[in-house]
Amino acid sequence: MVNHIQQDVMPQKATYQVAGLYLELVFPAMLKRAEILPSFEPFLEEHGINEKCICSIELTFQDVSVQNEDGKLLSDLSVVWGDNFRFYESEYCYTTTIWSEFDDGFWKMKSSKDFSHSVIYLVNRKEAINNALSWLVMVAFGQACLLYNTILIHASAISKSGEGYAFLGKSGTGKSTHSRLWLENIQGTQLLNDDNPAVRLENDGHVYIYGTPWSGKTSCYKNIKVRLQAFVRLKQSLYNRLTQKKGMAAFVCVLPSCTAIRWNNRLFTAMSNTVEHVLQRVMIAELECLPDREAALLCYREILKIDKQSLQNSGYQEVTGTKN
């Protein structure tokens, strides 16, 4: 049995940069950083930072009750954890609980209302920590970053020539399959992230899409960013057709894929505002498609055609970038 007092007296710290924002982890000395969060290693900030961390998370093995003392139950079902999940709200914090699949243990995270500070209570099973811990950190960071014009989005994203394309859709729609079709049939494409990339509206007015430590079942953890060119929502069909979306139709296309809790008005409003600004700068389309090569080629060609037409309508020349 781990000596809870001893392992919490001498904590370690690690700082990660995700989507240009800083995340700090404080964890017991008996845990090895690279073992508990291996996908975070490419994002490790080994030198000092001049900016504040937007999200600070402490990991501990200290005992905590699993009783219903955590306030109002907001949700008891998760896409990832099924009914082994609870999300509560009290006056000062949110509480996220996940039950272990291996024993009667559980993980619990208590977070401030803006998710800038969290404490994660871990079950005493090191071999079972990784997935639950990474997911809880994603929950905390995914909410905290909303106040910084940044959104985690459920998508598969690829990059080509310094530009990014994010494929949206419900689980099982074929996002990863469509990315693979681009990789196989469109020269120069690379996978950026296969589950939860980050989208950020930056001070230069441009929208960038970032790789993150969260890439689902695909090991693709790239600490890079590219300019976001398009969001494409996939819809399974018997034919291939791409339709550009604008206004409210574009908003409805993107919003369901964004990571935000609807019960926090401040965070949800921040997310909605960021989405509105992103839609003014990024192409939005729906692709009704088959899971075939022609779908990927049609998607790419149509995006380029729409982009070229938009460039011409704005009065700029594609090659020189100068005003007519």
C-alpha atoms as a PDB file:
ATOM      1  CA  MET A   1       0.000   0.000   0.000  1.00  0.00           C
ATOM      2  CA  VAL A   2       1.313   3.459  -0.900  1.00  0.00           C
ATOM      3  CA  ASN A   3       2.084   5.786   1.976  1.00  0.00           C
ATOM      4  CA  HIS A   4      -0.385   8.549   1.105  1.00  0.00           C
ATOM      5  CA  ILE A   5       1.212  11.158   3.339  1.00  0.00           C
ATOM      6  CA  GLN A   6       4.767  10.592   2.096  1.00  0.00           C
ATOM      7  CA  GLN A   7       3.939  10.593  -1.587  1.00  0.00           C
ATOM      8  CA  ASP A   8       2.030  13.873  -1.323  1.00  0.00           C
ATOM      9  CA  VAL A   9       4.742  15.714   0.643  1.00  0.00           C
ATOM     10  CA  MET A  10       7.238  15.778  -2.234  1.00  0.00           C
ATOM     11  CA  PRO A  11       5.230  16.399  -5.406  1.00  0.00           C
ATOM     12  CA  GLN A  12       6.671  16.811  -8.884  1.00  0.00           C
ATOM     13  CA  LYS A  13       5.591  19.392 -11.434  1.00  0.00           C
ATOM     14  CA  ALA A  14       5.306  19.292 -15.197  1.00  0.00           C
ATOM     15  CA  THR A  15       4.235  22.049 -17.557  1.00  0.00           C
ATOM     16  CA  TYR A  16       2.792  21.322 -20.987  1.00  0.00           C
ATOM     17  CA  GLN A  17       2.014  23.645 -23.873  1.00  0.00           C
ATOM     18  CA  VAL A  18      -1.179  22.675 -25.684  1.00  0.00           C
ATOM     19  CA  ALA A  19      -2.591  24.909 -28.431  1.00  0.00           C
ATOM     20  CA  GLY A  20      -0.169  27.624 -27.339  1.00  0.00           C
ATOM     21  CA  LEU A  21      -1.611  27.592 -23.805  1.00  0.00           C
ATOM     22  CA  TYR A  22       0.060  26.271 -20.655  1.00  0.00           C
ATOM     23  CA  LEU A  23      -1.176  23.428 -18.485  1.00  0.00           C
ATOM     24  CA  GLU A  24       0.496  22.553 -15.167  1.00  0.00           C
ATOM     25  CA  LEU A  25       0.386  19.152 -13.487  1.00  0.00           C
ATOM     26  CA  VAL A  26       1.420  18.545  -9.873  1.00  0.00           C
ATOM     27  CA  PHE A  27       1.704  14.842  -9.080  1.00  0.00           C
ATOM     28  CA  PRO A  28       3.022  12.427  -6.431  1.00  0.00           C
ATOM     29  CA  ALA A  29       6.748  11.668  -6.559  1.00  0.00           C
ATOM     30  CA  MET A  30       6.150   7.927  -6.839  1.00  0.00           C
ATOM     31  CA  LEU A  31       4.498   8.381 -10.250  1.00  0.00           C
ATOM     32  CA  LYS A  32       6.595   8.622 -13.412  1.00  0.00           C
ATOM     33  CA  ARG A  33       5.461  11.429 -15.686  1.00  0.00           C
ATOM     34  CA  ALA A  34       6.126   9.659 -18.979  1.00  0.00           C
ATOM     35  CA  GLU A  35       4.306   6.532 -17.797  1.00  0.00           C
ATOM     36  CA  ILE A  36       1.095   8.089 -16.534  1.00  0.00           C
ATOM     37  CA  LEU A  37       0.680  10.537 -19.460  1.00  0.00           C
ATOM     38  CA  PRO A  38       2.825   9.244 -22.334  1.00  0.00           C
ATOM     39  CA  SER A  39       0.903  11.135 -25.028  1.00  0.00           C
ATOM     40  CA  PHE A  40       1.769  14.432 -23.303  1.00  0.00           C
ATOM     41  CA  GLU A  41       5.542  14.072 -23.743  1.00  0.00           C
ATOM     42  CA  PRO A  42       5.716  15.932 -27.099  1.00  0.00           C
ATOM     43  CA  PHE A  43       4.012  18.878 -25.362  1.00  0.00           C
ATOM     44  CA  LEU A  44       6.341  19.045 -22.369  1.00  0.00           C
ATOM     45  CA  GLU A  45       7.759  22.508 -21.695  1.00  0.00           C
ATOM     46  CA  GLU A  46      11.199  21.806 -20.296  1.00  0.00           C
ATOM     47  CA  HIS A  47      12.240  25.437 -19.854  1.00  0.00           C
ATOM     48  CA  GLY A  48      10.678  28.227 -17.852  1.00  0.00           C
ATOM     49  CA  ILE A  49       7.600  30.040 -19.122  1.00  0.00           C
ATOM     50  CA  ASN A  50       6.714  33.709 -18.966  1.00  0.00           C
ATOM     51  CA  GLU A  51       2.969  33.267 -19.286  1.00  0.00           C
ATOM     52  CA  LYS A  52       0.558  31.979 -16.677  1.00  0.00           C
ATOM     53  CA  CYS A  53      -0.860  28.466 -16.786  1.00  0.00           C
ATOM     54  CA  ILE A  54      -4.522  28.592 -17.694  1.00  0.00           C
ATOM     55  CA  CYS A  55      -5.148  25.228 -16.035  1.00  0.00           C
ATOM     56  CA  SER A  56      -3.461  23.751 -12.938  1.00  0.00           C
ATOM     57  CA  ILE A  57      -4.211  20.161 -11.941  1.00  0.00           C
ATOM     58  CA  GLU A  58      -3.060  18.334  -8.820  1.00  0.00           C
ATOM     59  CA  LEU A  59      -3.004  14.520  -8.717  1.00  0.00           C
ATOM     60  CA  THR A  60      -3.304  12.776  -5.382  1.00  0.00           C
ATOM     61  CA  PHE A  61      -3.950   9.372  -3.834  1.00  0.00           C
ATOM     62  CA  GLN A  62      -5.576  10.904  -0.769  1.00  0.00           C
ATOM     63  CA  ASP A  63      -8.819   9.298   0.286  1.00  0.00           C
ATOM     64  CA  VAL A  64     -12.047  10.914  -0.837  1.00  0.00           C
ATOM     65  CA  SER A  65     -15.633   9.820  -0.421  1.00  0.00           C
ATOM     66  CA  VAL A  66     -17.684   8.506  -3.322  1.00  0.00           C
ATOM     67  CA  GLN A  67     -20.971   9.255  -1.560  1.00  0.00           C
ATOM     68  CA  ASN A  68     -23.596  11.605  -3.009  1.00  0.00           C
ATOM     69  CA  GLU A  69     -22.181  14.697  -1.347  1.00  0.00           C
ATOM     70  CA  ASP A  70     -21.070  16.460  -4.474  1.00  0.00           C
ATOM     71  CA  GLY A  71     -24.115  18.624  -5.130  1.00  0.00           C
ATOM     72  CA  LYS A  72     -26.655  18.521  -7.947  1.00  0.00           C
ATOM     73  CA  LEU A  73     -26.324  15.682 -10.449  1.00  0.00           C
ATOM     74  CA  LEU A  74     -26.057  17.178 -13.936  1.00  0.00           C
ATOM     75  CA  SER A  75     -25.189  14.062 -15.947  1.00  0.00           C
ATOM     76  CA  ASP A  76     -24.878  10.318 -15.373  1.00  0.00           C
ATOM     77  CA  LEU A  77     -23.959   9.164 -18.868  1.00  0.00           C
ATOM     78  CA  SER A  78     -20.791   9.539 -20.945  1.00  0.00           C
ATOM     79  CA  VAL A  79     -19.990   8.493 -24.503  1.00  0.00           C
ATOM     80  CA  VAL A  80     -16.616   7.211 -23.261  1.00  0.00           C
ATOM     81  CA  TRP A  81     -17.505   5.804 -19.827  1.00  0.00           C
ATOM     82  CA  GLY A  82     -21.169   4.861 -20.241  1.00  0.00           C
ATOM     83  CA  ASP A  83     -23.051   4.772 -16.954  1.00  0.00           C
ATOM     84  CA  ASN A  84     -19.793   4.584 -14.944  1.00  0.00           C
ATOM     85  CA  PHE A  85     -19.776   8.378 -14.995  1.00  0.00           C
ATOM     86  CA  ARG A  86     -21.247  11.159 -12.831  1.00  0.00           C
ATOM     87  CA  PHE A  87     -20.976  14.942 -13.141  1.00  0.00           C
ATOM     88  CA  TYR A  88     -22.116  17.136 -10.236  1.00  0.00           C
ATOM     89  CA  GLU A  89     -22.325  20.844  -9.530  1.00  0.00           C
ATOM     90  CA  SER A  90     -22.101  22.479  -6.095  1.00  0.00           C
ATOM     91  CA  GLU A  91     -21.902  26.139  -5.145  1.00  0.00           C
ATOM     92  CA  TYR A  92     -18.149  26.414  -5.642  1.00  0.00           C
ATOM     93  CA  CYS A  93     -17.055  23.535  -7.862  1.00  0.00           C
ATOM     94  CA  TYR A  94     -17.836  20.776 -10.341  1.00  0.00           C
ATOM     95  CA  THR A  95     -17.152  17.126  -9.523  1.00  0.00           C
ATOM     96  CA  THR A  96     -16.477  14.475 -12.153  1.00  0.00           C
ATOM     97  CA  THR A  97     -16.467  10.816 -11.069  1.00  0.00           C
ATOM     98  CA  ILE A  98     -15.513   7.716 -13.060  1.00  0.00           C
ATOM     99  CA  TRP A  99     -15.841   4.200 -11.655  1.00  0.00           C
ATOM    100  CA  SER A 100     -13.072   1.721 -12.385  1.00  0.00           C
ATOM    101  CA  GLU A 101     -13.808  -1.227 -14.669  1.00  0.00           C
ATOM    102  CA  PHE A 102     -11.297  -3.362 -12.761  1.00  0.00           C
ATOM    103  CA  ASP A 103     -12.446  -3.121  -9.145  1.00  0.00           C
ATOM    104  CA  ASP A 104     -14.536  -1.014  -6.749  1.00  0.00           C
ATOM    105  CA  GLY A 105     -12.151   1.921  -7.069  1.00  0.00           C
ATOM    106  CA  PHE A 106     -12.895   5.208  -8.746  1.00  0.00           C
ATOM    107  CA  TRP A 107     -11.369   8.450 -10.006  1.00  0.00           C
ATOM    108  CA  LYS A 108     -12.783  11.775  -8.901  1.00  0.00           C
ATOM    109  CA  MET A 109     -11.944  15.291 -10.085  1.00  0.00           C
ATOM    110  CA  LYS A 110     -13.010  18.455  -8.273  1.00  0.00           C
ATOM    111  CA  SER A 111     -12.718  21.602 -10.402  1.00  0.00           C
ATOM    112  CA  SER A 112     -13.244  25.305  -9.868  1.00  0.00           C
ATOM    113  CA  LYS A 113     -16.136  26.800 -11.820  1.00  0.00           C
ATOM    114  CA  ASP A 114     -13.792  28.079 -14.538  1.00  0.00           C
ATOM    115  CA  PHE A 115     -11.703  24.858 -14.457  1.00  0.00           C
ATOM    116  CA  SER A 116      -8.509  26.850 -13.848  1.00  0.00           C
ATOM    117  CA  HIS A 117      -7.786  24.624 -10.822  1.00  0.00           C
ATOM    118  CA  SER A 118      -8.608  20.933 -10.343  1.00  0.00           C
ATOM    119  CA  VAL A 119      -7.694  18.093  -7.986  1.00  0.00           C
ATOM    120  CA  ILE A 120      -7.839  14.542  -9.327  1.00  0.00           C
ATOM    121  CA  TYR A 121      -8.153  11.728  -6.757  1.00  0.00           C
ATOM    122  CA  LEU A 122      -6.729   8.515  -8.211  1.00  0.00           C
ATOM    123  CA  VAL A 123      -7.506   4.883  -7.450  1.00  0.00           C
ATOM    124  CA  ASN A 124      -4.490   2.989  -6.100  1.00  0.00           C
ATOM    125  CA  ARG A 125      -3.861   1.060  -9.324  1.00  0.00           C
ATOM    126  CA  LYS A 126      -1.048   2.533 -11.381  1.00  0.00           C
ATOM    127  CA  GLU A 127      -1.658   0.213 -14.323  1.00  0.00           C
ATOM    128  CA  ALA A 128      -5.194   1.575 -14.749  1.00  0.00           C
ATOM    129  CA  ILE A 129      -4.441   5.286 -14.480  1.00  0.00           C
ATOM    130  CA  ASN A 130      -3.509   6.321 -18.029  1.00  0.00           C
ATOM    131  CA  ASN A 131      -6.831   6.451 -19.913  1.00  0.00           C
ATOM    132  CA  ALA A 132      -8.905   7.899 -17.075  1.00  0.00           C
ATOM    133  CA  LEU A 133      -6.261  10.453 -16.143  1.00  0.00           C
ATOM    134  CA  SER A 134      -5.747  11.672 -19.709  1.00  0.00           C
ATOM    135  CA  TRP A 135      -9.504  11.978 -20.170  1.00  0.00           C
ATOM    136  CA  LEU A 136      -9.986  13.940 -16.939  1.00  0.00           C
ATOM    137  CA  VAL A 137      -7.165  16.314 -17.869  1.00  0.00           C
ATOM    138  CA  MET A 138      -8.835  16.783 -21.245  1.00  0.00           C
ATOM    139  CA  VAL A 139     -12.116  17.671 -19.522  1.00  0.00           C
ATOM    140  CA  ALA A 140     -10.408  20.302 -17.350  1.00  0.00           C
ATOM    141  CA  PHE A 141      -8.268  21.804 -20.106  1.00  0.00           C
ATOM    142  CA  GLY A 142     -11.132  21.659 -22.617  1.00  0.00           C
ATOM    143  CA  GLN A 143     -13.234  23.939 -20.401  1.00  0.00           C
ATOM    144  CA  ALA A 144     -10.462  26.230 -19.140  1.00  0.00           C
ATOM    145  CA  CYS A 145      -9.263  27.033 -22.679  1.00  0.00           C
ATOM    146  CA  LEU A 146     -12.688  28.358 -23.714  1.00  0.00           C
ATOM    147  CA  LEU A 147     -11.892  31.692 -22.027  1.00  0.00           C
ATOM    148  CA  TYR A 148      -8.851  32.016 -24.305  1.00  0.00           C
ATOM    149  CA  ASN A 149     -10.520  31.825 -27.745  1.00  0.00           C
ATOM    150  CA  THR A 150      -9.686  28.113 -27.934  1.00  0.00           C
ATOM    151  CA  ILE A 151     -11.933  25.090 -28.416  1.00  0.00           C
ATOM    152  CA  LEU A 152     -11.266  21.366 -28.287  1.00  0.00           C
ATOM    153  CA  ILE A 153     -13.273  19.837 -31.088  1.00  0.00           C
ATOM    154  CA  HIS A 154     -14.262  16.240 -31.778  1.00  0.00           C
ATOM    155  CA  ALA A 155     -12.803  15.758 -35.241  1.00  0.00           C
ATOM    156  CA  SER A 156     -10.224  14.027 -37.371  1.00  0.00           C
ATOM    157  CA  ALA A 157      -7.822  16.590 -38.790  1.00  0.00           C
ATOM    158  CA  ILE A 158      -5.246  16.475 -41.568  1.00  0.00           C
ATOM    159  CA  SER A 159      -2.732  19.036 -42.810  1.00  0.00           C
ATOM    160  CA  LYS A 160      -1.494  19.841 -46.295  1.00  0.00           C
ATOM    161  CA  SER A 161       0.924  22.586 -47.310  1.00  0.00           C
ATOM    162  CA  GLY A 162       0.541  24.402 -43.998  1.00  0.00           C
ATOM    163  CA  GLU A 163      -3.260  24.307 -44.024  1.00  0.00           C
ATOM    164  CA  GLY A 164      -5.617  22.186 -41.946  1.00  0.00           C
ATOM    165  CA  TYR A 165      -8.889  20.436 -42.716  1.00  0.00           C
ATOM    166  CA  ALA A 166     -11.104  19.092 -39.915  1.00  0.00           C
ATOM    167  CA  PHE A 167     -13.713  16.399 -40.518  1.00  0.00           C
ATOM    168  CA  LEU A 168     -16.664  16.463 -38.125  1.00  0.00           C
ATOM    169  CA  GLY A 169     -19.509  14.059 -37.465  1.00  0.00           C
ATOM    170  CA  LYS A 170     -21.064  11.705 -34.969  1.00  0.00           C
ATOM    171  CA  SER A 171     -19.089   8.688 -33.762  1.00  0.00           C
ATOM    172  CA  GLY A 172     -19.105   6.039 -36.487  1.00  0.00           C
ATOM    173  CA  THR A 173     -19.722   8.521 -39.296  1.00  0.00           C
ATOM    174  CA  GLY A 174     -16.333   7.828 -40.856  1.00  0.00           C
ATOM    175  CA  LYS A 175     -14.123  10.753 -39.833  1.00  0.00           C
ATOM    176  CA  SER A 176     -10.982   8.627 -39.481  1.00  0.00           C
ATOM    177  CA  THR A 177     -11.798   6.761 -42.694  1.00  0.00           C
ATOM    178  CA  HIS A 178     -12.134  10.022 -44.608  1.00  0.00           C
ATOM    179  CA  SER A 179      -8.806  11.264 -43.239  1.00  0.00           C
ATOM    180  CA  ARG A 180      -7.185   7.995 -44.340  1.00  0.00           C
ATOM    181  CA  LEU A 181      -8.634   8.466 -47.826  1.00  0.00           C
ATOM    182  CA  TRP A 182      -7.015  11.900 -48.035  1.00  0.00           C
ATOM    183  CA  LEU A 183      -3.704  10.471 -46.857  1.00  0.00           C
ATOM    184  CA  GLU A 184      -3.839   7.706 -49.470  1.00  0.00           C
ATOM    185  CA  ASN A 185      -5.024   9.760 -52.427  1.00  0.00           C
ATOM    186  CA  ILE A 186      -3.975  13.398 -51.990  1.00  0.00           C
ATOM    187  CA  GLN A 187      -0.260  14.016 -52.157  1.00  0.00           C
ATOM    188  CA  GLY A 188       1.396  15.875 -49.298  1.00  0.00           C
ATOM    189  CA  THR A 189      -1.265  15.262 -46.654  1.00  0.00           C
ATOM    190  CA  GLN A 190      -0.427  14.276 -43.086  1.00  0.00           C
ATOM    191  CA  LEU A 191      -2.577  13.301 -40.133  1.00  0.00           C
ATOM    192  CA  LEU A 192      -2.602  16.054 -37.501  1.00  0.00           C
ATOM    193  CA  ASN A 193      -4.940  14.514 -34.919  1.00  0.00           C
ATOM    194  CA  ASP A 194      -7.578  11.784 -35.076  1.00  0.00           C
ATOM    195  CA  ASP A 195      -9.988  12.671 -32.277  1.00  0.00           C
ATOM    196  CA  ASN A 196      -9.621  15.948 -30.372  1.00  0.00           C
ATOM    197  CA  PRO A 197      -7.591  18.685 -32.058  1.00  0.00           C
ATOM    198  CA  ALA A 198      -7.753  22.239 -30.723  1.00  0.00           C
ATOM    199  CA  VAL A 199      -8.941  25.245 -32.714  1.00  0.00           C
ATOM    200  CA  ARG A 200      -7.744  28.695 -31.678  1.00  0.00           C
ATOM    201  CA  LEU A 201      -8.537  32.205 -32.871  1.00  0.00           C
ATOM    202  CA  GLU A 202      -5.241  34.015 -32.400  1.00  0.00           C
ATOM    203  CA  ASN A 203      -4.275  37.663 -32.024  1.00  0.00           C
ATOM    204  CA  ASP A 204      -3.258  37.929 -35.679  1.00  0.00           C
ATOM    205  CA  GLY A 205      -6.891  37.334 -36.632  1.00  0.00           C
ATOM    206  CA  HIS A 206      -6.217  33.903 -38.139  1.00  0.00           C
ATOM    207  CA  VAL A 207      -7.666  30.569 -37.029  1.00  0.00           C
ATOM    208  CA  TYR A 208      -5.242  27.730 -36.349  1.00  0.00           C
ATOM    209  CA  ILE A 209      -5.804  24.050 -35.665  1.00  0.00           C
ATOM    210  CA  TYR A 210      -3.402  22.262 -33.307  1.00  0.00           C
ATOM    211  CA  GLY A 211      -2.424  18.721 -32.551  1.00  0.00           C
ATOM    212  CA  THR A 212      -3.081  17.715 -28.926  1.00  0.00           C
ATOM    213  CA  PRO A 213      -2.299  14.836 -26.514  1.00  0.00           C
ATOM    214  CA  TRP A 214      -5.776  13.432 -27.197  1.00  0.00           C
ATOM    215  CA  SER A 215      -6.054  11.490 -30.457  1.00  0.00           C
ATOM    216  CA  GLY A 216      -8.414   8.636 -29.646  1.00  0.00           C
ATOM    217  CA  LYS A 217      -7.236   5.172 -30.677  1.00  0.00           C
ATOM    218  CA  THR A 218      -4.671   6.595 -33.100  1.00  0.00           C
ATOM    219  CA  SER A 219      -1.224   7.430 -31.730  1.00  0.00           C
ATOM    220  CA  CYS A 220      -0.827  10.848 -33.324  1.00  0.00           C
ATOM    221  CA  TYR A 221       0.411  13.397 -30.785  1.00  0.00           C
ATOM    222  CA  LYS A 222       1.904  16.295 -32.735  1.00  0.00           C
ATOM    223  CA  ASN A 223       2.754  19.592 -31.084  1.00  0.00           C
ATOM    224  CA  ILE A 224       2.261  21.646 -34.251  1.00  0.00           C
ATOM    225  CA  LYS A 225      -0.272  24.073 -35.695  1.00  0.00           C
ATOM    226  CA  VAL A 226      -1.484  24.960 -39.196  1.00  0.00           C
ATOM    227  CA  ARG A 227      -3.951  27.512 -40.527  1.00  0.00           C
ATOM    228  CA  LEU A 228      -7.449  26.027 -40.483  1.00  0.00           C
ATOM    229  CA  GLN A 229      -8.874  26.034 -43.983  1.00  0.00           C
ATOM    230  CA  ALA A 230     -12.195  24.219 -43.575  1.00  0.00           C
ATOM    231  CA  PHE A 231     -14.573  22.357 -41.316  1.00  0.00           C
ATOM    232  CA  VAL A 232     -16.348  19.546 -43.192  1.00  0.00           C
ATOM    233  CA  ARG A 233     -19.231  17.708 -41.517  1.00  0.00           C
ATOM    234  CA  LEU A 234     -19.573  14.196 -42.904  1.00  0.00           C
ATOM    235  CA  LYS A 235     -22.900  12.541 -43.610  1.00  0.00           C
ATOM    236  CA  GLN A 236     -23.083   8.959 -44.848  1.00  0.00           C
ATOM    237  CA  SER A 237     -24.834   8.701 -48.204  1.00  0.00           C
ATOM    238  CA  LEU A 238     -25.165   6.677 -51.399  1.00  0.00           C
ATOM    239  CA  TYR A 239     -23.459   9.439 -53.399  1.00  0.00           C
ATOM    240  CA  ASN A 240     -20.745  12.094 -52.996  1.00  0.00           C
ATOM    241  CA  ARG A 241     -21.744  15.751 -52.788  1.00  0.00           C
ATOM    242  CA  LEU A 242     -20.257  18.741 -50.970  1.00  0.00           C
ATOM    243  CA  THR A 243     -22.407  21.738 -49.991  1.00  0.00           C
ATOM    244  CA  GLN A 244     -21.046  24.944 -48.494  1.00  0.00           C
ATOM    245  CA  LYS A 245     -22.814  26.177 -45.347  1.00  0.00           C
ATOM    246  CA  LYS A 246     -23.155  29.755 -44.159  1.00  0.00           C
ATOM    247  CA  GLY A 247     -24.836  31.677 -41.354  1.00  0.00           C
ATOM    248  CA  MET A 248     -26.861  29.656 -38.873  1.00  0.00           C
ATOM    249  CA  ALA A 249     -26.492  26.500 -40.971  1.00  0.00           C
ATOM    250  CA  ALA A 250     -22.714  26.767 -40.574  1.00  0.00           C
ATOM    251  CA  PHE A 251     -23.040  27.381 -36.820  1.00  0.00           C
ATOM    252  CA  VAL A 252     -25.234  24.296 -36.423  1.00  0.00           C
ATOM    253  CA  CYS A 253     -22.718  22.318 -38.483  1.00  0.00           C
ATOM    254  CA  VAL A 254     -19.832  23.046 -36.102  1.00  0.00           C
ATOM    255  CA  LEU A 255     -21.373  23.527 -32.650  1.00  0.00           C
ATOM    256  CA  PRO A 256     -22.219  19.859 -31.846  1.00  0.00           C
ATOM    257  CA  SER A 257     -18.546  18.884 -32.206  1.00  0.00           C
ATOM    258  CA  CYS A 258     -17.272  21.491 -29.733  1.00  0.00           C
ATOM    259  CA  THR A 259     -16.265  20.506 -26.201  1.00  0.00           C
ATOM    260  CA  ALA A 260     -18.206  22.584 -23.657  1.00  0.00           C
ATOM    261  CA  ILE A 261     -20.558  21.921 -20.756  1.00  0.00           C
ATOM    262  CA  ARG A 262     -23.904  23.564 -21.371  1.00  0.00           C
ATOM    263  CA  TRP A 263     -24.566  24.175 -17.659  1.00  0.00           C
ATOM    264  CA  ASN A 264     -21.878  26.851 -17.320  1.00  0.00           C
ATOM    265  CA  ASN A 265     -23.221  29.974 -19.004  1.00  0.00           C
ATOM    266  CA  ARG A 266     -19.909  31.847 -18.919  1.00  0.00           C
ATOM    267  CA  LEU A 267     -17.918  29.067 -20.585  1.00  0.00           C
ATOM    268  CA  PHE A 268     -20.657  28.147 -23.056  1.00  0.00           C
ATOM    269  CA  THR A 269     -21.057  31.791 -24.112  1.00  0.00           C
ATOM    270  CA  ALA A 270     -17.290  32.113 -24.582  1.00  0.00           C
ATOM    271  CA  MET A 271     -17.301  29.011 -26.760  1.00  0.00           C
ATOM    272  CA  SER A 272     -20.252  30.254 -28.837  1.00  0.00           C
ATOM    273  CA  ASN A 273     -18.576  33.621 -29.389  1.00  0.00           C
ATOM    274  CA  THR A 274     -15.359  31.937 -30.536  1.00  0.00           C
ATOM    275  CA  VAL A 275     -17.301  29.710 -32.925  1.00  0.00           C
ATOM    276  CA  GLU A 276     -19.028  32.759 -34.436  1.00  0.00           C
ATOM    277  CA  HIS A 277     -15.681  34.466 -35.054  1.00  0.00           C
ATOM    278  CA  VAL A 278     -14.191  31.283 -36.495  1.00  0.00           C
ATOM    279  CA  LEU A 279     -17.089  30.923 -38.925  1.00  0.00           C
ATOM    280  CA  GLN A 280     -16.277  34.351 -40.374  1.00  0.00           C
ATOM    281  CA  ARG A 281     -12.769  33.170 -41.259  1.00  0.00           C
ATOM    282  CA  VAL A 282     -13.101  29.456 -42.114  1.00  0.00           C
ATOM    283  CA  MET A 283     -15.023  27.593 -44.786  1.00  0.00           C
ATOM    284  CA  ILE A 284     -17.827  25.329 -43.512  1.00  0.00           C
ATOM    285  CA  ALA A 285     -19.269  22.523 -45.625  1.00  0.00           C
ATOM    286  CA  GLU A 286     -21.291  19.324 -45.421  1.00  0.00           C
ATOM    287  CA  LEU A 287     -20.076  16.298 -47.328  1.00  0.00           C
ATOM    288  CA  GLU A 288     -22.621  13.632 -48.150  1.00  0.00           C
ATOM    289  CA  CYS A 289     -20.385  10.750 -49.069  1.00  0.00           C
ATOM    290  CA  LEU A 290     -19.442   7.157 -49.579  1.00  0.00           C
ATOM    291  CA  PRO A 291     -16.280   5.832 -47.895  1.00  0.00           C
ATOM    292  CA  ASP A 292     -14.326   5.869 -51.140  1.00  0.00           C
ATOM    293  CA  ARG A 293     -11.468   7.572 -52.982  1.00  0.00           C
ATOM    294  CA  GLU A 294     -13.824   9.721 -55.040  1.00  0.00           C
ATOM    295  CA  ALA A 295     -15.272  11.268 -51.873  1.00  0.00           C
ATOM    296  CA  ALA A 296     -11.854  12.492 -50.719  1.00  0.00           C
ATOM    297  CA  LEU A 297     -10.917  13.836 -54.147  1.00  0.00           C
ATOM    298  CA  LEU A 298     -14.272  15.569 -54.585  1.00  0.00           C
ATOM    299  CA  CYS A 299     -14.003  17.125 -51.108  1.00  0.00           C
ATOM    300  CA  TYR A 300     -10.528  18.493 -51.783  1.00  0.00           C
ATOM    301  CA  ARG A 301     -11.354  19.799 -55.280  1.00  0.00           C
ATOM    302  CA  GLU A 302     -14.568  21.490 -54.152  1.00  0.00           C
ATOM    303  CA  ILE A 303     -12.896  23.179 -51.179  1.00  0.00           C
ATOM    304  CA  LEU A 304     -10.201  24.569 -53.460  1.00  0.00           C
ATOM    305  CA  LYS A 305     -12.809  25.727 -55.983  1.00  0.00           C
ATOM    306  CA  ILE A 306     -14.902  27.483 -53.340  1.00  0.00           C
ATOM    307  CA  ASP A 307     -11.804  29.063 -51.822  1.00  0.00           C
ATOM    308  CA  LYS A 308     -10.601  30.293 -55.222  1.00  0.00           C
ATOM    309  CA  GLN A 309     -14.032  31.788 -55.973  1.00  0.00           C
ATOM    310  CA  SER A 310     -14.079  33.537 -52.597  1.00  0.00           C
ATOM    311  CA  LEU A 311     -10.623  34.953 -53.310  1.00  0.00           C
ATOM    312  CA  GLN A 312     -11.738  36.277 -56.691  1.00  0.00           C
ATOM    313  CA  ASN A 313     -14.900  37.803 -55.215  1.00  0.00           C
ATOM    314  CA  SER A 314     -12.805  39.637 -52.619  1.00  0.00           C
ATOM    315  CA  GLY A 315     -10.830  41.339 -55.381  1.00  0.00           C
ATOM    316  CA  TYR A 316      -7.482  39.634 -54.764  1.00  0.00           C
ATOM    317  CA  GLN A 317      -5.344  37.700 -57.185  1.00  0.00           C
ATOM    318  CA  GLU A 318      -4.509  34.144 -56.136  1.00  0.00           C
ATOM    319  CA  VAL A 319      -0.870  34.165 -57.207  1.00  0.00           C
ATOM    320  CA  THR A 320       0.346  37.634 -56.246  1.00  0.00           C
ATOM    321  CA  GLY A 321      -1.993  38.294 -53.348  1.00  0.00           C
ATOM    322  CA  THR A 322      -2.322  41.926 -54.519  1.00  0.00           C
ATOM    323  CA  LYS A 323      -5.458  43.946 -54.976  1.00  0.00           C
ATOM    324  CA  ASN A 324      -6.884  44.228 -58.498  1.00  0.00           C
END
